[in-house]
């Protein structure tokens, strides 16, 4: 059984729809919540088969309110990458992955959008990535990808939305398993919110069925890409 370390940055944002898919594949996940009283982060990658970095709501890495655990998380992410263990980052987590892999980050405003992600070619994620799929994005700042990164999907504006690092790590500039309730809770959790929340909230509600349907294939591809599930159900 694989065991994944999941770093959560806010009360509102967690694995969401991904939890059932991981449990169904007998993949254990342990949440680490450094923002809580007494919350700690692992000192190393020992004991884990991979790392997942979740979004951080309004937290940034080069602008806004800087993520308090930034330094520790970058060191930990580099430790996983150096050990050849997969790292999967969502939203802020994807920006952290980019930095830890030798890239960087660029200032970008806090935003909440429902993007139409478009795969950059056939056969992405072992053929499990749809040509076009919805991706809810709630984050500040943007990745400056390292030269060796592979862009797997772009938004309608051409900006990267999904990228690969090495042979087994992935960054999503959105959360592929986000529920509308998670976004609502994020908006209520912080005073710092995007300018327009009503429009993407409504779009997210409409797209929930499609997000759940697409996630089934994406999780097959993600589990195979990371090596977390050798035999796919």
Protein backbone atom coordinates (compact mmCIF):
# COMPACT_ATOMS: atom_id res chain seq x y z
CA UNK A 1 0.00 0.00 0.00
CA UNK A 2 1.33 3.44 -0.96
CA UNK A 3 1.29 6.28 1.57
CA UNK A 4 1.11 9.90 0.41
CA UNK A 5 1.91 13.01 2.43
CA UNK A 6 -0.69 15.71 1.70
CA UNK A 7 0.08 19.27 2.78
CA UNK A 8 -3.05 21.32 3.40
CA UNK A 9 -2.76 25.11 3.62
CA UNK A 10 -6.31 26.19 4.54
CA UNK A 11 -9.29 24.73 6.39
CA UNK A 12 -11.43 24.92 3.25
CA UNK A 13 -9.27 23.26 0.64
CA UNK A 14 -8.58 19.54 0.84
CA UNK A 15 -8.40 16.67 -1.68
CA UNK A 16 -12.11 16.94 -2.36
CA UNK A 17 -13.32 14.47 -4.99
CA UNK A 18 -9.86 12.89 -5.14
CA UNK A 19 -10.27 11.25 -1.74
CA UNK A 20 -12.63 8.53 -2.97
CA UNK A 21 -10.39 7.77 -5.94
CA UNK A 22 -7.31 7.36 -3.76
CA UNK A 23 -9.13 5.22 -1.22
CA UNK A 24 -10.58 3.10 -4.04
CA UNK A 25 -7.02 2.40 -5.22
CA UNK A 26 -5.86 1.51 -1.71
CA UNK A 27 -3.63 4.59 -1.57
CA UNK A 28 -3.34 6.03 1.94
CA UNK A 29 -3.03 9.78 2.42
CA UNK A 30 -1.98 11.62 5.56
CA UNK A 31 -2.91 15.29 5.85
CA UNK A 32 -0.33 17.64 7.33
CA UNK A 33 -1.78 21.00 8.44
CA UNK A 34 1.00 23.45 9.37
CA UNK A 35 -1.52 26.30 9.77
CA UNK A 36 -3.19 24.68 12.78
CA UNK A 37 -2.10 25.01 16.40
CA UNK A 38 0.62 22.43 16.89
CA UNK A 39 0.54 21.46 13.22
CA UNK A 40 3.87 20.20 11.89
CA UNK A 41 5.48 19.18 8.62
CA UNK A 42 7.71 16.15 8.02
CA UNK A 43 11.44 16.78 8.22
CA UNK A 44 12.12 14.45 5.30
CA UNK A 45 10.50 12.20 2.70
CA UNK A 46 11.18 9.10 4.79
CA UNK A 47 8.16 6.85 5.18
CA UNK A 48 6.23 8.29 2.23
CA UNK A 49 5.76 7.26 -1.40
CA UNK A 50 4.96 10.74 -2.64
CA UNK A 51 3.89 14.28 -1.80
CA UNK A 52 0.77 16.27 -2.68
CA UNK A 53 0.74 20.05 -2.22
CA UNK A 54 -2.71 21.62 -2.11
CA UNK A 55 -3.82 25.15 -2.89
CA UNK A 56 -3.43 28.02 -0.46
CA UNK A 57 -6.36 30.33 -1.15
CA UNK A 58 -4.97 33.91 -1.05
CA UNK A 59 -1.46 32.93 0.04
CA UNK A 60 1.34 33.72 -2.39
CA UNK A 61 5.04 33.04 -2.77
CA UNK A 62 6.17 36.37 -4.26
CA UNK A 63 3.17 38.64 -3.60
CA UNK A 64 0.34 39.18 -1.15
CA UNK A 65 0.43 37.35 2.16
CA UNK A 66 3.40 35.00 1.77
CA UNK A 67 2.78 31.38 2.74
CA UNK A 68 4.16 31.08 6.32
CA UNK A 69 5.57 27.56 5.76
CA UNK A 70 7.13 28.44 2.38
CA UNK A 71 10.76 27.70 3.26
CA UNK A 72 10.06 24.38 4.95
CA UNK A 73 7.78 23.23 2.12
CA UNK A 74 10.32 24.06 -0.57
CA UNK A 75 13.01 22.10 1.26
CA UNK A 76 10.64 19.16 1.71
CA UNK A 77 9.54 19.22 -1.93
CA UNK A 78 13.17 19.23 -3.07
CA UNK A 79 13.83 16.26 -0.77
CA UNK A 80 11.05 14.26 -2.44
CA UNK A 81 12.26 15.20 -5.92
CA UNK A 82 15.86 14.36 -5.06
CA UNK A 83 14.73 10.95 -3.79
CA UNK A 84 12.95 10.29 -7.09
CA UNK A 85 9.56 10.35 -5.37
CA UNK A 86 6.57 11.91 -7.15
CA UNK A 87 5.21 15.31 -6.23
CA UNK A 88 1.76 16.49 -7.34
CA UNK A 89 0.88 20.14 -6.83
CA UNK A 90 -2.49 21.88 -7.17
CA UNK A 91 -2.78 25.67 -7.57
CA UNK A 92 -0.29 27.17 -5.07
CA UNK A 93 1.16 23.66 -4.79
CA UNK A 94 1.99 23.71 -8.50
CA UNK A 95 3.85 26.99 -8.03
CA UNK A 96 5.81 25.45 -5.15
CA UNK A 97 6.66 22.44 -7.35
CA UNK A 98 7.93 24.75 -10.10
CA UNK A 99 10.25 26.58 -7.70
CA UNK A 100 11.53 23.40 -6.04
CA UNK A 101 12.28 21.86 -9.46
CA UNK A 102 14.56 24.74 -10.44
CA UNK A 103 12.07 27.15 -11.95
CA UNK A 104 10.53 30.10 -10.18
CA UNK A 105 7.40 32.12 -9.60
CA UNK A 106 5.95 35.31 -11.02
CA UNK A 107 3.63 37.80 -9.40
CA UNK A 108 0.01 37.37 -10.43
CA UNK A 109 -3.20 38.59 -8.78
CA UNK A 110 -5.48 36.43 -6.65
CA UNK A 111 -8.01 34.89 -9.01
CA UNK A 112 -10.84 32.39 -9.10
CA UNK A 113 -11.76 31.03 -12.52
CA UNK A 114 -13.18 27.92 -14.14
CA UNK A 115 -10.79 27.26 -17.00
CA UNK A 116 -11.29 25.16 -20.10
CA UNK A 117 -8.04 23.19 -20.14
CA UNK A 118 -6.90 21.96 -23.54
CA UNK A 119 -4.45 19.05 -23.82
CA UNK A 120 -1.33 19.94 -25.80
CA UNK A 121 -1.31 16.62 -27.63
CA UNK A 122 -2.81 13.16 -27.87
CA UNK A 123 -1.88 10.50 -25.33
CA UNK A 124 -1.25 12.82 -22.39
CA UNK A 125 -1.22 11.00 -19.02
CA UNK A 126 -1.18 7.67 -20.78
CA UNK A 127 -4.13 8.67 -22.94
CA UNK A 128 -6.31 9.48 -19.91
CA UNK A 129 -6.31 13.27 -20.30
CA UNK A 130 -9.35 14.52 -22.25
CA UNK A 131 -8.77 16.86 -25.16
CA UNK A 132 -10.72 19.56 -23.27
CA UNK A 133 -11.80 19.52 -19.61
CA UNK A 134 -12.91 21.98 -16.88
CA UNK A 135 -10.40 22.97 -14.20
CA UNK A 136 -11.28 25.17 -11.22
CA UNK A 137 -8.42 27.54 -10.33
CA UNK A 138 -8.19 29.55 -7.08
CA UNK A 139 -4.72 30.95 -6.50
CA UNK A 140 -2.30 33.84 -6.38
CA UNK A 141 0.98 34.08 -8.36
CA UNK A 142 2.04 31.86 -11.26
CA UNK A 143 4.86 29.43 -11.99
CA UNK A 144 7.92 30.27 -14.07
CA UNK A 145 8.48 26.73 -15.27
CA UNK A 146 11.94 25.17 -15.43
CA UNK A 147 13.22 24.54 -18.95
CA UNK A 148 12.77 20.77 -18.67
CA UNK A 149 9.07 20.99 -17.73
CA UNK A 150 6.59 19.46 -20.15
CA UNK A 151 3.37 21.37 -20.68
CA UNK A 152 0.48 18.90 -20.81
CA UNK A 153 -2.47 21.31 -21.04
CA UNK A 154 -3.01 25.02 -21.61
CA UNK A 155 -5.80 27.48 -20.99
CA UNK A 156 -7.61 29.31 -23.75
CA UNK A 157 -5.13 32.17 -23.30
CA UNK A 158 -2.22 29.79 -23.94
CA UNK A 159 -0.94 29.81 -20.36
CA UNK A 160 0.11 26.42 -18.90
CA UNK A 161 -2.53 24.73 -16.75
CA UNK A 162 -1.01 21.26 -16.34
CA UNK A 163 2.70 20.45 -16.53
CA UNK A 164 5.03 17.56 -15.86
CA UNK A 165 8.34 17.60 -14.03
CA UNK A 166 10.69 14.68 -14.62
CA UNK A 167 9.15 11.26 -15.11
CA UNK A 168 6.64 11.19 -12.29
CA UNK A 169 5.66 14.65 -10.96
CA UNK A 170 2.75 16.85 -12.01
CA UNK A 171 1.53 20.38 -11.48
CA UNK A 172 -2.09 21.50 -11.96
CA UNK A 173 -2.78 25.25 -11.85
CA UNK A 174 -6.23 24.27 -10.63
CA UNK A 175 -7.81 21.65 -8.41
CA UNK A 176 -9.19 18.80 -10.57
CA UNK A 177 -11.44 17.57 -7.75
CA UNK A 178 -12.80 20.86 -6.41
CA UNK A 179 -16.35 20.99 -5.09
CA UNK A 180 -18.39 24.16 -5.13
CA UNK A 181 -18.62 24.00 -1.34
CA UNK A 182 -14.83 24.12 -1.08
CA UNK A 183 -14.70 27.33 -3.09
CA UNK A 184 -17.51 28.85 -1.01
CA UNK A 185 -15.66 27.98 2.19
CA UNK A 186 -12.43 29.50 0.84
CA UNK A 187 -14.25 32.75 0.12
CA UNK A 188 -15.67 32.80 3.66
CA UNK A 189 -12.42 31.77 5.34
CA UNK A 190 -10.41 34.82 4.24
CA UNK A 191 -11.08 38.55 3.99
CA UNK A 192 -8.77 38.64 0.96
CA UNK A 193 -10.86 37.31 -1.94
CA UNK A 194 -10.89 37.61 -5.75
CA UNK A 195 -12.83 40.52 -7.23
CA UNK A 196 -15.51 38.38 -8.88
CA UNK A 197 -16.57 35.21 -7.12
CA UNK A 198 -20.22 34.88 -8.15
CA UNK A 199 -19.51 34.12 -11.82
CA UNK A 200 -17.00 31.27 -11.30
CA UNK A 201 -19.08 29.86 -8.43
CA UNK A 202 -22.06 29.53 -10.72
CA UNK A 203 -19.90 28.06 -13.50
CA UNK A 204 -18.41 25.57 -11.02
CA UNK A 205 -21.88 24.48 -9.90
CA UNK A 206 -22.91 23.85 -13.51
CA UNK A 207 -19.69 21.93 -14.26
CA UNK A 208 -19.70 19.66 -11.17
CA UNK A 209 -20.98 16.64 -13.06
CA UNK A 210 -18.42 17.01 -15.82
CA UNK A 211 -15.61 17.57 -13.31
CA UNK A 212 -16.50 14.32 -11.52
CA UNK A 213 -16.75 12.41 -14.80
CA UNK A 214 -13.42 13.69 -16.14
CA UNK A 215 -11.69 13.03 -12.83
CA UNK A 216 -12.17 9.27 -13.19
CA UNK A 217 -9.85 9.16 -16.19
CA UNK A 218 -7.46 11.79 -14.84
CA UNK A 219 -6.96 9.78 -11.65
CA UNK A 220 -6.17 6.63 -13.62
CA UNK A 221 -3.55 8.60 -15.53
CA UNK A 222 -2.22 10.35 -12.42
CA UNK A 223 -1.90 7.11 -10.44
CA UNK A 224 -0.06 5.44 -13.30
CA UNK A 225 2.20 8.45 -13.96
CA UNK A 226 3.25 8.71 -10.31
CA UNK A 227 3.62 4.96 -9.86
CA UNK A 228 1.17 4.99 -6.95
CA UNK A 229 -0.91 2.26 -8.51
CA UNK A 230 0.81 -0.42 -10.57
CA UNK A 231 -2.35 -2.30 -11.45
CA UNK A 232 -5.10 0.00 -12.57
CA UNK A 233 -8.68 -0.90 -11.70
